[in-house]
């Protein structure tokens, strides 16, 4: 007979409505403390950091450019196998705008700008880094009127040529088959080529005319003596070197002053004294001979001769 298994009916007891839980008390928060104010030193460094950022960019750019220029020079001076790399860098910089747009010439008063640019060997539009500054300066310094030359780059597109010209010191008259020739000389007696002596005389009427084979080499000594005796120098138009030993001075009225070979300074001082006391150089005389020590020989114009007016011999 089957066993009956007693089962318990589980009857879920009805839930009592949960009593309203007491509301949990909100945790009290600490009042937020005001943010600490930044120290003045911190603010200062922040401002400095913001202000130097643009400068760092500029500095970095300059360093890169300087490195590029140095690299180009180094590669150009290196083995020929590296020349291609140099041309590649030059091409890249030229494409970036590093081309000659402006050529500034400073100090060239008498030197032709066309001659300077021809010696420079660079034209507007050429890559500015494709130029040896020292070689260009040497070519310009070889021009007759130029004493020194400096060529500089002002990147990205400007070349600056600074020139010191050889100052004309006197005009030297030489004899050629086709007649007299006039050239400028500097203080050292060197001929200044490619210069117009007549134009220089117009610019500076005080340039003295010299004649004689060794006149340029002795010009500085003569000018020193004349400068020490201004009353004589103001009357002198030219000077002729005689036999490589002494000078004849030709005055503006064509009178001739014959200086001795020995101690010409003393004779010039004597002549300056006579000019002060009796205005000798303003008198109508043809020759003043000072060659004999302690003697002064004056030859006046003949009574019936026409006395030439004072003029400039050049």
Protein backbone atom coordinates (compact mmCIF):
# COMPACT_ATOMS: atom_id res chain seq x y z
CA UNK A 1 0.00 0.00 0.00
CA UNK A 2 1.50 3.15 -0.97
CA UNK A 3 2.88 5.25 1.73
CA UNK A 4 1.63 8.54 2.02
CA UNK A 5 4.26 11.19 2.59
CA UNK A 6 3.13 13.94 4.69
CA UNK A 7 3.78 17.23 3.16
CA UNK A 8 3.66 20.56 4.72
CA UNK A 9 2.07 23.24 2.86
CA UNK A 10 4.23 26.15 3.30
CA UNK A 11 2.12 29.09 3.51
CA UNK A 12 3.95 32.29 3.06
CA UNK A 13 2.96 34.55 5.76
CA UNK A 14 1.92 37.87 4.48
CA UNK A 15 4.64 40.43 4.85
CA UNK A 16 4.01 43.12 7.15
CA UNK A 17 4.54 46.42 5.66
CA UNK A 18 8.04 47.43 6.44
CA UNK A 19 8.21 50.12 8.84
CA UNK A 20 9.56 53.24 7.33
CA UNK A 21 13.21 53.25 7.94
CA UNK A 22 14.45 56.26 9.53
CA UNK A 23 16.15 58.45 6.96
CA UNK A 24 19.85 58.19 7.19
CA UNK A 25 21.38 61.39 8.29
CA UNK A 26 23.39 62.97 5.54
CA UNK A 27 27.01 63.10 6.38
CA UNK A 28 28.06 66.59 6.96
CA UNK A 29 30.83 67.70 4.58
CA UNK A 30 33.65 69.88 5.60
CA UNK A 31 33.39 73.29 4.09
CA UNK A 32 35.77 73.55 1.13
CA UNK A 33 38.77 75.49 2.02
CA UNK A 34 39.58 78.33 -0.33
CA UNK A 35 42.22 77.40 -2.89
CA UNK A 36 45.67 78.41 -1.91
CA UNK A 37 46.85 81.49 -3.79
CA UNK A 38 49.91 80.88 -6.05
CA UNK A 39 53.11 82.30 -4.82
CA UNK A 40 54.49 85.31 -6.67
CA UNK A 41 57.59 83.34 -7.62
CA UNK A 42 55.47 80.63 -9.26
CA UNK A 43 53.52 83.24 -11.18
CA UNK A 44 56.75 84.89 -12.29
CA UNK A 45 58.19 81.66 -13.66
CA UNK A 46 54.96 80.89 -15.47
CA UNK A 47 55.01 84.29 -17.15
CA UNK A 48 58.68 83.86 -18.08
CA UNK A 49 57.95 80.44 -19.55
CA UNK A 50 55.14 81.81 -21.69
CA UNK A 51 57.25 84.77 -22.87
CA UNK A 52 60.35 82.81 -23.84
CA UNK A 53 58.56 80.21 -25.94
CA UNK A 54 58.54 82.40 -29.11
CA UNK A 55 62.16 83.32 -28.51
CA UNK A 56 63.09 79.64 -28.23
CA UNK A 57 61.46 78.98 -31.58
CA UNK A 58 63.43 81.82 -33.16
CA UNK A 59 66.64 80.66 -31.51
CA UNK A 60 66.05 77.13 -32.71
CA UNK A 61 65.46 78.35 -36.24
CA UNK A 62 68.67 80.38 -36.19
CA UNK A 63 70.63 77.39 -34.90
CA UNK A 64 69.25 75.21 -37.68
CA UNK A 65 70.13 77.83 -40.30
CA UNK A 66 73.63 78.30 -38.89
CA UNK A 67 74.15 74.56 -38.87
CA UNK A 68 72.93 74.34 -42.46
CA UNK A 69 75.31 77.09 -43.61
CA UNK A 70 78.22 75.47 -41.79
CA UNK A 71 77.35 72.10 -43.26
CA UNK A 72 77.26 73.54 -46.76
CA UNK A 73 80.68 75.14 -46.28
CA UNK A 74 82.13 71.96 -44.84
CA UNK A 75 80.76 69.80 -47.63
CA UNK A 76 81.90 72.24 -50.28
CA UNK A 77 85.43 72.09 -48.90
CA UNK A 78 85.34 68.31 -48.60
CA UNK A 79 86.01 65.64 -51.18
CA UNK A 80 84.44 66.01 -54.64
CA UNK A 81 82.22 63.00 -53.97
CA UNK A 82 80.37 65.09 -51.40
CA UNK A 83 79.75 68.00 -53.76
CA UNK A 84 76.43 66.50 -54.79
CA UNK A 85 75.21 66.61 -51.19
CA UNK A 86 76.19 70.26 -50.95
CA UNK A 87 74.29 71.10 -54.11
CA UNK A 88 71.32 69.21 -52.72
CA UNK A 89 71.29 71.28 -49.53
CA UNK A 90 71.74 74.49 -51.49
CA UNK A 91 68.86 73.51 -53.72
CA UNK A 92 66.61 72.83 -50.73
CA UNK A 93 67.44 76.16 -49.09
CA UNK A 94 66.95 78.00 -52.38
CA UNK A 95 63.53 76.40 -52.75
CA UNK A 96 62.73 77.61 -49.23
CA UNK A 97 63.42 81.22 -50.27
CA UNK A 98 67.14 81.57 -49.60
CA UNK A 99 67.89 83.41 -52.84
CA UNK A 100 69.57 86.75 -53.48
CA UNK A 101 66.99 89.50 -53.75
CA UNK A 102 68.95 92.55 -52.54
CA UNK A 103 72.62 93.53 -52.95
CA UNK A 104 73.66 96.47 -50.74
CA UNK A 105 76.94 98.27 -51.48
CA UNK A 106 78.39 100.50 -48.75
CA UNK A 107 81.35 102.85 -49.12
CA UNK A 108 81.74 102.83 -52.92
CA UNK A 109 81.98 106.53 -53.76
CA UNK A 110 84.09 106.23 -56.90
CA UNK A 111 84.05 102.50 -57.67
CA UNK A 112 81.55 101.46 -60.33
CA UNK A 113 78.67 99.40 -58.94
CA UNK A 114 78.64 97.38 -62.17
CA UNK A 115 82.29 96.47 -61.64
CA UNK A 116 81.57 95.45 -58.04
CA UNK A 117 78.65 93.22 -59.00
CA UNK A 118 80.66 91.66 -61.82
CA UNK A 119 83.46 90.84 -59.35
CA UNK A 120 80.89 89.52 -56.86
CA UNK A 121 79.81 86.90 -59.38
CA UNK A 122 76.26 86.61 -58.05
CA UNK A 123 73.02 87.93 -59.49
CA UNK A 124 69.54 88.46 -58.12
CA UNK A 125 67.75 85.13 -58.01
CA UNK A 126 70.85 83.00 -57.39
CA UNK A 127 70.98 80.77 -54.26
CA UNK A 128 72.42 82.92 -51.50
CA UNK A 129 74.32 80.03 -49.93
CA UNK A 130 76.04 79.14 -53.19
CA UNK A 131 78.71 81.80 -52.65
CA UNK A 132 82.12 81.85 -51.02
CA UNK A 133 82.19 85.13 -49.10
CA UNK A 134 85.98 85.23 -48.81
CA UNK A 135 86.54 84.54 -52.50
CA UNK A 136 83.99 87.21 -53.48
CA UNK A 137 85.63 89.76 -51.15
CA UNK A 138 89.05 88.97 -52.64
CA UNK A 139 87.76 89.53 -56.17
CA UNK A 140 86.23 92.89 -55.21
CA UNK A 141 89.39 93.97 -53.34
CA UNK A 142 91.35 93.35 -56.55
CA UNK A 143 89.50 96.23 -58.21
CA UNK A 144 91.75 99.28 -58.61
CA UNK A 145 89.97 101.79 -56.37
CA UNK A 146 89.22 99.26 -53.61
CA UNK A 147 91.53 98.88 -50.64
CA UNK A 148 89.50 96.37 -48.60
CA UNK A 149 86.18 94.61 -49.10
CA UNK A 150 83.92 92.54 -46.82
CA UNK A 151 80.97 90.49 -48.10
CA UNK A 152 78.29 89.36 -45.63
CA UNK A 153 75.00 87.49 -45.81
CA UNK A 154 71.85 88.83 -44.17
CA UNK A 155 69.66 85.76 -44.44
CA UNK A 156 67.43 84.91 -46.07
CA UNK A 157 67.91 87.11 -49.15
CA UNK A 158 70.40 90.00 -48.76
CA UNK A 159 74.10 90.40 -49.53
CA UNK A 160 75.97 93.34 -47.95
CA UNK A 161 79.24 94.54 -49.52
CA UNK A 162 81.27 96.96 -47.37
CA UNK A 163 84.11 98.69 -49.20
CA UNK A 164 87.00 100.90 -48.11
CA UNK A 165 88.35 102.80 -51.09
CA UNK A 166 91.92 103.88 -51.64
CA UNK A 167 92.03 107.63 -51.08
CA UNK A 168 93.68 109.57 -53.92
CA UNK A 169 96.81 111.26 -52.60
CA UNK A 170 98.18 112.94 -55.71
CA UNK A 171 98.11 112.88 -59.51
CA UNK A 172 101.15 111.43 -61.25
CA UNK A 173 102.04 112.53 -64.75
CA UNK A 174 103.86 109.97 -66.87
CA UNK A 175 105.04 110.13 -70.45
CA UNK A 176 103.67 107.77 -73.07
CA UNK A 177 104.14 107.49 -76.82
CA UNK A 178 100.84 109.25 -77.40
CA UNK A 179 101.58 112.07 -74.96
CA UNK A 180 101.35 112.68 -71.20
CA UNK A 181 99.28 110.31 -69.09
CA UNK A 182 97.73 111.21 -65.73
CA UNK A 183 96.99 108.61 -63.06
CA UNK A 184 96.03 108.70 -59.40
CA UNK A 185 98.31 107.39 -56.68
CA UNK A 186 97.60 106.61 -53.02
CA UNK A 187 99.68 107.63 -50.01
CA UNK A 188 101.97 104.61 -50.43
CA UNK A 189 102.72 105.60 -54.01
CA UNK A 190 100.66 102.82 -55.58
CA UNK A 191 98.76 103.60 -58.77
CA UNK A 192 94.97 103.53 -58.35
CA UNK A 193 93.78 101.81 -61.49
CA UNK A 194 90.45 102.40 -63.22
CA UNK A 195 90.13 105.94 -61.91
CA UNK A 196 89.75 109.18 -63.82
CA UNK A 197 92.36 111.69 -62.65
CA UNK A 198 90.50 114.67 -64.10
CA UNK A 199 87.31 113.69 -62.26
CA UNK A 200 89.28 113.24 -59.03
CA UNK A 201 90.81 116.70 -59.48
CA UNK A 202 87.34 118.19 -59.87
CA UNK A 203 86.24 116.49 -56.65
CA UNK A 204 89.36 117.57 -54.80
CA UNK A 205 91.09 120.64 -56.31
CA UNK A 206 93.91 120.37 -53.76
CA UNK A 207 95.36 117.21 -55.32
CA UNK A 208 98.96 117.93 -56.23
CA UNK A 209 100.34 117.11 -59.69
CA UNK A 210 103.63 115.18 -59.58
CA UNK A 211 106.15 114.37 -62.31
CA UNK A 212 109.25 112.20 -62.32
CA UNK A 213 109.96 108.48 -62.36
CA UNK A 214 110.31 108.14 -58.59
CA UNK A 215 107.81 110.85 -57.67
CA UNK A 216 105.18 108.43 -56.25
CA UNK A 217 107.69 106.86 -53.85
CA UNK A 218 108.74 110.28 -52.52
CA UNK A 219 105.31 111.95 -52.53
CA UNK A 220 104.57 111.33 -48.85
CA UNK A 221 107.81 112.98 -47.72
CA UNK A 222 107.17 115.99 -49.92
CA UNK A 223 103.59 116.38 -48.71
CA UNK A 224 104.77 116.22 -45.10
CA UNK A 225 107.19 119.09 -45.71
CA UNK A 226 104.59 121.20 -47.51
CA UNK A 227 101.96 120.53 -44.85
CA UNK A 228 104.38 121.90 -42.26
CA UNK A 229 104.64 125.12 -44.31
CA UNK A 230 101.09 125.96 -45.29
CA UNK A 231 101.92 129.44 -46.62
CA UNK A 232 104.06 127.78 -49.27
CA UNK A 233 101.77 124.85 -49.92
CA UNK A 234 98.83 127.13 -50.74
CA UNK A 235 100.81 128.47 -53.73
CA UNK A 236 102.03 125.12 -55.10
CA UNK A 237 100.28 123.58 -58.11
CA UNK A 238 102.75 120.83 -59.05
CA UNK A 239 106.10 119.29 -58.15
CA UNK A 240 108.73 117.75 -60.39
CA UNK A 241 111.25 115.18 -59.21
CA UNK A 242 114.69 115.99 -60.68
CA UNK A 243 117.25 113.21 -61.26
CA UNK A 244 115.81 111.21 -58.38
CA UNK A 245 117.48 113.63 -55.95
CA UNK A 246 115.41 116.72 -55.32
CA UNK A 247 112.19 118.63 -56.11
CA UNK A 248 111.22 121.63 -58.18
CA UNK A 249 107.98 123.24 -57.04
CA UNK A 250 105.81 124.83 -59.73
CA UNK A 251 103.64 127.58 -58.29
CA UNK A 252 100.16 128.51 -59.50
CA UNK A 253 101.60 131.58 -61.29
CA UNK A 254 104.13 129.25 -63.03
CA UNK A 255 107.09 130.43 -60.98
CA UNK A 256 109.58 127.64 -60.18
CA UNK A 257 111.05 127.05 -56.72
CA UNK A 258 114.20 124.91 -56.84
CA UNK A 259 114.71 122.96 -53.61
CA UNK A 260 118.08 121.44 -52.63
CA UNK A 261 118.73 117.71 -52.43
CA UNK A 262 119.98 118.05 -48.84
CA UNK A 263 117.80 119.39 -46.04
CA UNK A 264 114.88 120.68 -48.16
CA UNK A 265 112.85 121.17 -44.96
CA UNK A 266 115.10 124.03 -43.89
CA UNK A 267 114.80 125.70 -47.30
CA UNK A 268 111.00 125.45 -47.20
CA UNK A 269 110.96 126.97 -43.71
CA UNK A 270 113.13 129.84 -45.01
CA UNK A 271 110.75 130.35 -47.94
CA UNK A 272 107.74 130.36 -45.60
CA UNK A 273 109.44 133.01 -43.48
CA UNK A 274 110.05 135.19 -46.57
CA UNK A 275 106.44 134.77 -47.59
CA UNK A 276 105.33 135.98 -44.18
CA UNK A 277 107.70 138.97 -44.13
CA UNK A 278 107.56 140.15 -47.75
CA UNK A 279 105.00 138.03 -49.62
CA UNK A 280 107.73 136.73 -51.90
CA UNK A 281 105.55 134.09 -53.53
CA UNK A 282 103.04 136.75 -54.59
CA UNK A 283 105.67 138.78 -56.46
CA UNK A 284 106.27 138.49 -60.22
CA UNK A 285 109.34 136.26 -60.16
CA UNK A 286 110.26 133.48 -62.57
CA UNK A 287 112.63 131.40 -60.45
CA UNK A 288 113.42 131.13 -56.73
CA UNK A 289 116.59 129.06 -56.33
CA UNK A 290 117.32 127.59 -52.89
CA UNK A 291 119.80 124.90 -53.95
CA UNK A 292 122.89 126.58 -52.49
CA UNK A 293 123.14 126.49 -48.69
CA UNK A 294 122.69 129.93 -47.14
CA UNK A 295 121.92 131.60 -50.47
CA UNK A 296 118.70 132.71 -52.14
CA UNK A 297 118.73 133.47 -55.85
CA UNK A 298 115.69 135.16 -57.36
CA UNK A 299 115.24 135.64 -61.07
CA UNK A 300 112.47 138.12 -61.94
CA UNK A 301 110.60 138.11 -65.20
CA UNK A 302 112.20 140.16 -67.97
CA UNK A 303 110.83 143.67 -68.18
CA UNK A 304 109.13 143.05 -71.51
CA UNK A 305 107.82 139.56 -70.68
CA UNK A 306 104.15 138.92 -70.11
CA UNK A 307 103.67 137.82 -66.53
CA UNK A 308 101.42 134.73 -66.40
CA UNK A 309 98.39 134.87 -64.20
CA UNK A 310 98.10 132.52 -61.31
CA UNK A 311 96.29 129.36 -62.36
CA UNK A 312 96.02 125.69 -61.65
CA UNK A 313 98.48 123.61 -63.62
CA UNK A 314 96.34 120.52 -63.65
